[in-house]
Amino acid sequence: SLAIDNVFVWLMLFSFFGIPLELQKRVLVLGVLGAIV
């Protein structure tokens, strides 16, 4: 539930920096790995 708010923050960041959907995958993969550690 709390992660949903984090997802919306990611959406805002990608929108602000103009990151297209096909390039968001790499950032999210590394973001998830970093979050686990």
All heavy atoms as atom14 arrays in JSON, in Angstrom:
{
  "sequence": "SLAIDNVFVWLMLFSFFGIPLELQKRVLVLGVLGAIV",
  "atom14_mask": [
    [1, 1, 1, 1, 1, 1, 0, 0, 0, 0, 0, 0, 0, 0],
    [1, 1, 1, 1, 1, 1, 1, 1, 0, 0, 0, 0, 0, 0],
    [1, 1, 1, 1, 1, 0, 0, 0, 0, 0, 0, 0, 0, 0],
    [1, 1, 1, 1, 1, 1, 1, 1, 0, 0, 0, 0, 0, 0],
    [1, 1, 1, 1, 1, 1, 1, 1, 0, 0, 0, 0, 0, 0],
    [1, 1, 1, 1, 1, 1, 1, 1, 0, 0, 0, 0, 0, 0],
    [1, 1, 1, 1, 1, 1, 1, 0, 0, 0, 0, 0, 0, 0],
    [1, 1, 1, 1, 1, 1, 1, 1, 1, 1, 1, 0, 0, 0],
    [1, 1, 1, 1, 1, 1, 1, 0, 0, 0, 0, 0, 0, 0],
    [1, 1, 1, 1, 1, 1, 1, 1, 1, 1, 1, 1, 1, 1],
    [1, 1, 1, 1, 1, 1, 1, 1, 0, 0, 0, 0, 0, 0],
    [1, 1, 1, 1, 1, 1, 1, 1, 0, 0, 0, 0, 0, 0],
    [1, 1, 1, 1, 1, 1, 1, 1, 0, 0, 0, 0, 0, 0],
    [1, 1, 1, 1, 1, 1, 1, 1, 1, 1, 1, 0, 0, 0],
    [1, 1, 1, 1, 1, 1, 0, 0, 0, 0, 0, 0, 0, 0],
    [1, 1, 1, 1, 1, 1, 1, 1, 1, 1, 1, 0, 0, 0],
    [1, 1, 1, 1, 1, 1, 1, 1, 1, 1, 1, 0, 0, 0],
    [1, 1, 1, 1, 0, 0, 0, 0, 0, 0, 0, 0, 0, 0],
    [1, 1, 1, 1, 1, 1, 1, 1, 0, 0, 0, 0, 0, 0],
    [1, 1, 1, 1, 1, 1, 1, 0, 0, 0, 0, 0, 0, 0],
    [1, 1, 1, 1, 1, 1, 1, 1, 0, 0, 0, 0, 0, 0],
    [1, 1, 1, 1, 1, 1, 1, 1, 1, 0, 0, 0, 0, 0],
    [1, 1, 1, 1, 1, 1, 1, 1, 0, 0, 0, 0, 0, 0],
    [1, 1, 1, 1, 1, 1, 1, 1, 1, 0, 0, 0, 0, 0],
    [1, 1, 1, 1, 1, 1, 1, 1, 1, 0, 0, 0, 0, 0],
    [1, 1, 1, 1, 1, 1, 1, 1, 1, 1, 1, 0, 0, 0],
    [1, 1, 1, 1, 1, 1, 1, 0, 0, 0, 0, 0, 0, 0],
    [1, 1, 1, 1, 1, 1, 1, 1, 0, 0, 0, 0, 0, 0],
    [1, 1, 1, 1, 1, 1, 1, 0, 0, 0, 0, 0, 0, 0],
    [1, 1, 1, 1, 1, 1, 1, 1, 0, 0, 0, 0, 0, 0],
    [1, 1, 1, 1, 0, 0, 0, 0, 0, 0, 0, 0, 0, 0],
    [1, 1, 1, 1, 1, 1, 1, 0, 0, 0, 0, 0, 0, 0],
    [1, 1, 1, 1, 1, 1, 1, 1, 0, 0, 0, 0, 0, 0],
    [1, 1, 1, 1, 0, 0, 0, 0, 0, 0, 0, 0, 0, 0],
    [1, 1, 1, 1, 1, 0, 0, 0, 0, 0, 0, 0, 0, 0],
    [1, 1, 1, 1, 1, 1, 1, 1, 0, 0, 0, 0, 0, 0],
    [1, 1, 1, 1, 1, 1, 1, 0, 0, 0, 0, 0, 0, 0]
  ],
  "atom14_positions": [
    [[0.83, -1.21, 0.0], [0.0, 0.0, 0.0], [0.86, 1.26, 0.0], [0.64, 2.18, -0.78], [-0.93, 0.0, 1.21], [-1.76, -1.14, 1.23], [0.0, 0.0, 0.0], [0.0, 0.0, 0.0], [0.0, 0.0, 0.0], [0.0, 0.0, 0.0], [0.0, 0.0, 0.0], [0.0, 0.0, 0.0], [0.0, 0.0, 0.0], [0.0, 0.0, 0.0]],
    [[1.86, 1.29, 0.89], [2.73, 2.46, 0.96], [3.57, 2.59, -0.3], [3.95, 3.71, -0.69], [3.63, 2.37, 2.19], [2.91, 2.44, 3.54], [3.89, 2.22, 4.69], [2.22, 3.79, 3.71], [0.0, 0.0, 0.0], [0.0, 0.0, 0.0], [0.0, 0.0, 0.0], [0.0, 0.0, 0.0], [0.0, 0.0, 0.0], [0.0, 0.0, 0.0]],
    [[3.86, 1.48, -0.95], [4.65, 1.52, -2.18], [3.9, 2.21, -3.32], [4.53, 2.74, -4.25], [5.05, 0.1, -2.6], [0.0, 0.0, 0.0], [0.0, 0.0, 0.0], [0.0, 0.0, 0.0], [0.0, 0.0, 0.0], [0.0, 0.0, 0.0], [0.0, 0.0, 0.0], [0.0, 0.0, 0.0], [0.0, 0.0, 0.0], [0.0, 0.0, 0.0]],
    [[2.58, 2.21, -3.27], [1.8, 2.88, -4.31], [2.15, 4.36, -4.37], [2.3, 4.94, -5.45], [0.29, 2.68, -4.07], [-0.08, 1.2, -4.2], [-0.54, 3.51, -5.06], [-1.54, 0.9, -3.87], [0.0, 0.0, 0.0], [0.0, 0.0, 0.0], [0.0, 0.0, 0.0], [0.0, 0.0, 0.0], [0.0, 0.0, 0.0], [0.0, 0.0, 0.0]],
    [[2.32, 4.97, -3.2], [2.7, 6.38, -3.16], [4.09, 6.57, -3.76], [4.35, 7.57, -4.45], [2.66, 6.88, -1.71], [2.46, 8.39, -1.63], [1.82, 8.94, -2.55], [2.92, 9.0, -0.67], [0.0, 0.0, 0.0], [0.0, 0.0, 0.0], [0.0, 0.0, 0.0], [0.0, 0.0, 0.0], [0.0, 0.0, 0.0], [0.0, 0.0, 0.0]],
    [[4.97, 5.62, -3.5], [6.31, 5.68, -4.1], [6.23, 5.59, -5.62], [6.96, 6.28, -6.34], [7.16, 4.54, -3.55], [8.65, 4.8, -3.7], [9.07, 5.88, -4.11], [9.46, 3.81, -3.38], [0.0, 0.0, 0.0], [0.0, 0.0, 0.0], [0.0, 0.0, 0.0], [0.0, 0.0, 0.0], [0.0, 0.0, 0.0], [0.0, 0.0, 0.0]],
    [[5.34, 4.75, -6.11], [5.14, 4.61, -7.56], [4.72, 5.93, -8.18], [5.19, 6.32, -9.26], [4.1, 3.51, -7.85], [3.59, 3.6, -9.29], [4.7, 2.13, -7.6], [0.0, 0.0, 0.0], [0.0, 0.0, 0.0], [0.0, 0.0, 0.0], [0.0, 0.0, 0.0], [0.0, 0.0, 0.0], [0.0, 0.0, 0.0], [0.0, 0.0, 0.0]],
    [[3.85, 6.65, -7.51], [3.39, 7.94, -8.03], [4.54, 8.96, -8.05], [4.59, 9.82, -8.92], [2.23, 8.47, -7.19], [0.97, 7.66, -7.34], [-0.04, 7.74, -6.4], [0.79, 6.82, -8.42], [-1.21, 7.0, -6.53], [-0.37, 6.05, -8.57], [-1.37, 6.15, -7.63], [0.0, 0.0, 0.0], [0.0, 0.0, 0.0], [0.0, 0.0, 0.0]],
    [[5.44, 8.87, -7.08], [6.62, 9.75, -7.08], [7.5, 9.42, -8.29], [8.01, 10.31, -8.97], [7.42, 9.61, -5.77], [8.76, 10.34, -5.87], [6.61, 10.16, -4.6], [0.0, 0.0, 0.0], [0.0, 0.0, 0.0], [0.0, 0.0, 0.0], [0.0, 0.0, 0.0], [0.0, 0.0, 0.0], [0.0, 0.0, 0.0], [0.0, 0.0, 0.0]],
    [[7.69, 8.13, -8.56], [8.46, 7.74, -9.75], [7.83, 8.3, -11.01], [8.54, 8.8, -11.89], [8.51, 6.21, -9.86], [9.3, 5.53, -8.79], [10.1, 6.11, -7.85], [9.37, 4.13, -8.56], [10.66, 5.15, -7.04], [10.23, 3.93, -7.44], [8.79, 3.02, -9.16], [10.53, 2.67, -6.95], [9.08, 1.76, -8.67], [9.94, 1.58, -7.58]],
    [[6.53, 8.21, -11.1], [5.82, 8.72, -12.28], [6.08, 10.22, -12.45], [6.31, 10.7, -13.56], [4.32, 8.44, -12.13], [3.43, 8.87, -13.3], [3.8, 8.11, -14.56], [1.95, 8.62, -12.95], [0.0, 0.0, 0.0], [0.0, 0.0, 0.0], [0.0, 0.0, 0.0], [0.0, 0.0, 0.0], [0.0, 0.0, 0.0], [0.0, 0.0, 0.0]],
    [[6.05, 10.95, -11.35], [6.3, 12.39, -11.38], [7.73, 12.68, -11.84], [7.97, 13.59, -12.64], [6.04, 12.98, -10.01], [6.28, 14.48, -9.9], [5.95, 15.06, -8.21], [7.14, 14.07, -7.27], [0.0, 0.0, 0.0], [0.0, 0.0, 0.0], [0.0, 0.0, 0.0], [0.0, 0.0, 0.0], [0.0, 0.0, 0.0], [0.0, 0.0, 0.0]],
    [[8.7, 11.89, -11.35], [10.09, 12.09, -11.74], [10.3, 11.81, -13.22], [10.97, 12.59, -13.93], [11.0, 11.17, -10.91], [11.15, 11.51, -9.42], [11.91, 10.4, -8.7], [11.86, 12.84, -9.24], [0.0, 0.0, 0.0], [0.0, 0.0, 0.0], [0.0, 0.0, 0.0], [0.0, 0.0, 0.0], [0.0, 0.0, 0.0], [0.0, 0.0, 0.0]],
    [[9.75, 10.71, -13.72], [9.91, 10.39, -15.13], [9.25, 11.44, -16.02], [9.77, 11.78, -17.08], [9.3, 9.01, -15.42], [10.11, 7.86, -14.9], [9.51, 6.82, -14.2], [11.49, 7.8, -15.1], [10.25, 5.76, -13.71], [12.24, 6.75, -14.62], [11.62, 5.73, -13.93], [0.0, 0.0, 0.0], [0.0, 0.0, 0.0], [0.0, 0.0, 0.0]],
    [[8.13, 11.95, -15.57], [7.44, 12.99, -16.33], [8.25, 14.28, -16.35], [8.39, 14.93, -17.39], [6.05, 13.24, -15.74], [5.4, 14.31, -16.4], [0.0, 0.0, 0.0], [0.0, 0.0, 0.0], [0.0, 0.0, 0.0], [0.0, 0.0, 0.0], [0.0, 0.0, 0.0], [0.0, 0.0, 0.0], [0.0, 0.0, 0.0], [0.0, 0.0, 0.0]],
    [[8.81, 14.66, -15.2], [9.57, 15.91, -15.09], [10.81, 15.89, -15.98], [11.13, 16.87, -16.65], [9.97, 16.15, -13.64], [10.81, 17.39, -13.44], [10.22, 18.65, -13.47], [12.18, 17.29, -13.23], [10.99, 19.8, -13.28], [12.95, 18.43, -13.04], [12.35, 19.69, -13.07], [0.0, 0.0, 0.0], [0.0, 0.0, 0.0], [0.0, 0.0, 0.0]],
    [[11.52, 14.74, -16.01], [12.74, 14.64, -16.8], [12.48, 14.15, -18.23], [13.43, 14.0, -19.01], [13.74, 13.71, -16.11], [14.35, 14.29, -14.87], [13.96, 13.86, -13.61], [15.3, 15.29, -14.95], [14.51, 14.4, -12.46], [15.86, 15.84, -13.8], [15.46, 15.4, -12.55], [0.0, 0.0, 0.0], [0.0, 0.0, 0.0], [0.0, 0.0, 0.0]],
    [[11.22, 13.89, -18.57], [10.88, 13.49, -19.93], [11.44, 12.14, -20.32], [11.9, 11.95, -21.45], [0.0, 0.0, 0.0], [0.0, 0.0, 0.0], [0.0, 0.0, 0.0], [0.0, 0.0, 0.0], [0.0, 0.0, 0.0], [0.0, 0.0, 0.0], [0.0, 0.0, 0.0], [0.0, 0.0, 0.0], [0.0, 0.0, 0.0], [0.0, 0.0, 0.0]],
    [[11.43, 11.18, -19.39], [11.96, 9.84, -19.67], [10.88, 9.0, -20.33], [9.84, 8.73, -19.72], [12.44, 9.14, -18.38], [13.36, 10.06, -17.56], [13.12, 7.83, -18.72], [14.63, 10.44, -18.25], [0.0, 0.0, 0.0], [0.0, 0.0, 0.0], [0.0, 0.0, 0.0], [0.0, 0.0, 0.0], [0.0, 0.0, 0.0], [0.0, 0.0, 0.0]],
    [[11.07, 8.56, -21.59], [10.05, 7.74, -22.25], [9.9, 6.37, -21.61], [10.82, 5.89, -20.93], [10.57, 7.62, -23.69], [12.05, 7.84, -23.57], [12.24, 8.8, -22.44], [0.0, 0.0, 0.0], [0.0, 0.0, 0.0], [0.0, 0.0, 0.0], [0.0, 0.0, 0.0], [0.0, 0.0, 0.0], [0.0, 0.0, 0.0], [0.0, 0.0, 0.0]],
    [[8.76, 5.74, -21.82], [8.47, 4.46, -21.17], [9.52, 3.39, -21.45], [9.88, 2.61, -20.57], [7.09, 3.96, -21.62], [5.87, 4.63, -20.98], [4.6, 4.16, -21.66], [5.81, 4.35, -19.49], [0.0, 0.0, 0.0], [0.0, 0.0, 0.0], [0.0, 0.0, 0.0], [0.0, 0.0, 0.0], [0.0, 0.0, 0.0], [0.0, 0.0, 0.0]],
    [[10.04, 3.35, -22.69], [10.99, 2.29, -23.04], [12.33, 2.45, -22.33], [13.12, 1.49, -22.28], [11.2, 2.24, -24.56], [11.74, 3.52, -25.16], [10.63, 4.47, -25.6], [9.48, 4.29, -25.13], [10.92, 5.37, -26.4], [0.0, 0.0, 0.0], [0.0, 0.0, 0.0], [0.0, 0.0, 0.0], [0.0, 0.0, 0.0], [0.0, 0.0, 0.0]],
    [[12.63, 3.65, -21.77], [13.87, 3.85, -21.05], [13.69, 3.76, -19.54], [14.68, 3.76, -18.79], [14.48, 5.22, -21.4], [14.93, 5.44, -22.84], [15.51, 6.83, -23.01], [15.95, 4.38, -23.25], [0.0, 0.0, 0.0], [0.0, 0.0, 0.0], [0.0, 0.0, 0.0], [0.0, 0.0, 0.0], [0.0, 0.0, 0.0], [0.0, 0.0, 0.0]],
    [[12.45, 3.7, -19.08], [12.19, 3.67, -17.65], [12.54, 2.33, -17.02], [12.83, 2.24, -15.82], [10.73, 4.01, -17.38], [10.36, 5.43, -17.77], [8.88, 5.72, -17.66], [8.11, 4.9, -17.14], [8.45, 6.86, -18.16], [0.0, 0.0, 0.0], [0.0, 0.0, 0.0], [0.0, 0.0, 0.0], [0.0, 0.0, 0.0], [0.0, 0.0, 0.0]],
    [[12.56, 1.27, -17.83], [12.77, -0.08, -17.32], [14.1, -0.2, -16.58], [14.16, -0.75, -15.47], [12.72, -1.08, -18.47], [13.05, -2.52, -18.08], [12.92, -3.44, -19.28], [13.23, -4.88, -18.88], [14.67, -5.1, -18.69], [0.0, 0.0, 0.0], [0.0, 0.0, 0.0], [0.0, 0.0, 0.0], [0.0, 0.0, 0.0], [0.0, 0.0, 0.0]],
    [[15.18, 0.34, -17.19], [16.5, 0.18, -16.58], [16.57, 0.89, -15.23], [17.14, 0.38, -14.27], [17.58, 0.71, -17.51], [18.99, 0.39, -17.0], [20.06, 0.93, -17.9], [21.38, 0.48, -17.45], [22.52, 1.02, -17.85], [22.52, 2.01, -18.71], [23.66, 0.57, -17.39], [0.0, 0.0, 0.0], [0.0, 0.0, 0.0], [0.0, 0.0, 0.0]],
    [[16.01, 2.1, -15.16], [16.01, 2.84, -13.91], [15.24, 2.09, -12.83], [15.67, 1.99, -11.68], [15.41, 4.25, -14.11], [15.25, 4.98, -12.79], [16.28, 5.07, -15.06], [0.0, 0.0, 0.0], [0.0, 0.0, 0.0], [0.0, 0.0, 0.0], [0.0, 0.0, 0.0], [0.0, 0.0, 0.0], [0.0, 0.0, 0.0], [0.0, 0.0, 0.0]],
    [[14.09, 1.54, -13.2], [13.26, 0.83, -12.22], [13.92, -0.46, -11.75], [13.82, -0.82, -10.56], [11.89, 0.54, -12.83], [11.02, 1.77, -13.12], [9.72, 1.36, -13.8], [10.73, 2.54, -11.84], [0.0, 0.0, 0.0], [0.0, 0.0, 0.0], [0.0, 0.0, 0.0], [0.0, 0.0, 0.0], [0.0, 0.0, 0.0], [0.0, 0.0, 0.0]],
    [[14.58, -1.17, -12.66], [15.28, -2.41, -12.26], [16.35, -2.1, -11.23], [16.45, -2.75, -10.18], [15.9, -3.1, -13.49], [16.89, -4.18, -13.05], [14.82, -3.74, -14.35], [0.0, 0.0, 0.0], [0.0, 0.0, 0.0], [0.0, 0.0, 0.0], [0.0, 0.0, 0.0], [0.0, 0.0, 0.0], [0.0, 0.0, 0.0], [0.0, 0.0, 0.0]],
    [[17.19, -1.09, -11.52], [18.24, -0.72, -10.58], [17.65, -0.14, -9.29], [18.18, -0.35, -8.2], [19.18, 0.3, -11.22], [20.02, -0.23, -12.39], [20.82, 0.88, -13.04], [20.94, -1.35, -11.93], [0.0, 0.0, 0.0], [0.0, 0.0, 0.0], [0.0, 0.0, 0.0], [0.0, 0.0, 0.0], [0.0, 0.0, 0.0], [0.0, 0.0, 0.0]],
    [[16.53, 0.56, -9.42], [15.86, 1.1, -8.23], [15.37, 0.0, -7.31], [15.5, 0.09, -6.09], [0.0, 0.0, 0.0], [0.0, 0.0, 0.0], [0.0, 0.0, 0.0], [0.0, 0.0, 0.0], [0.0, 0.0, 0.0], [0.0, 0.0, 0.0], [0.0, 0.0, 0.0], [0.0, 0.0, 0.0], [0.0, 0.0, 0.0], [0.0, 0.0, 0.0]],
    [[14.8, -1.05, -7.89], [14.31, -2.19, -7.09], [15.47, -2.92, -6.43], [15.41, -3.28, -5.25], [13.49, -3.14, -7.98], [13.23, -4.46, -7.25], [12.17, -2.5, -8.38], [0.0, 0.0, 0.0], [0.0, 0.0, 0.0], [0.0, 0.0, 0.0], [0.0, 0.0, 0.0], [0.0, 0.0, 0.0], [0.0, 0.0, 0.0], [0.0, 0.0, 0.0]],
    [[16.57, -3.14, -7.18], [17.74, -3.81, -6.6], [18.3, -2.99, -5.43], [18.64, -3.54, -4.37], [18.81, -4.0, -7.67], [18.5, -5.02, -8.76], [19.6, -5.0, -9.82], [18.37, -6.42, -8.18], [0.0, 0.0, 0.0], [0.0, 0.0, 0.0], [0.0, 0.0, 0.0], [0.0, 0.0, 0.0], [0.0, 0.0, 0.0], [0.0, 0.0, 0.0]],
    [[18.4, -1.69, -5.63], [18.89, -0.83, -4.56], [17.99, -0.85, -3.34], [18.46, -0.85, -2.2], [0.0, 0.0, 0.0], [0.0, 0.0, 0.0], [0.0, 0.0, 0.0], [0.0, 0.0, 0.0], [0.0, 0.0, 0.0], [0.0, 0.0, 0.0], [0.0, 0.0, 0.0], [0.0, 0.0, 0.0], [0.0, 0.0, 0.0], [0.0, 0.0, 0.0]],
    [[16.68, -0.87, -3.59], [15.71, -0.89, -2.49], [15.83, -2.17, -1.67], [15.73, -2.15, -0.43], [14.29, -0.75, -3.05], [0.0, 0.0, 0.0], [0.0, 0.0, 0.0], [0.0, 0.0, 0.0], [0.0, 0.0, 0.0], [0.0, 0.0, 0.0], [0.0, 0.0, 0.0], [0.0, 0.0, 0.0], [0.0, 0.0, 0.0], [0.0, 0.0, 0.0]],
    [[16.06, -3.31, -2.34], [16.18, -4.58, -1.62], [17.4, -4.56, -0.7], [17.33, -4.95, 0.47], [16.27, -5.75, -2.62], [14.92, -5.95, -3.33], [16.69, -7.04, -1.92], [14.94, -6.99, -4.42], [0.0, 0.0, 0.0], [0.0, 0.0, 0.0], [0.0, 0.0, 0.0], [0.0, 0.0, 0.0], [0.0, 0.0, 0.0], [0.0, 0.0, 0.0]],
    [[18.54, -4.11, -1.23], [19.77, -4.05, -0.43], [19.59, -3.09, 0.74], [19.92, -3.4, 1.9], [20.96, -3.61, -1.3], [22.21, -3.41, -0.43], [21.24, -4.65, -2.38], [0.0, 0.0, 0.0], [0.0, 0.0, 0.0], [0.0, 0.0, 0.0], [0.0, 0.0, 0.0], [0.0, 0.0, 0.0], [0.0, 0.0, 0.0], [0.0, 0.0, 0.0]]
  ]
}
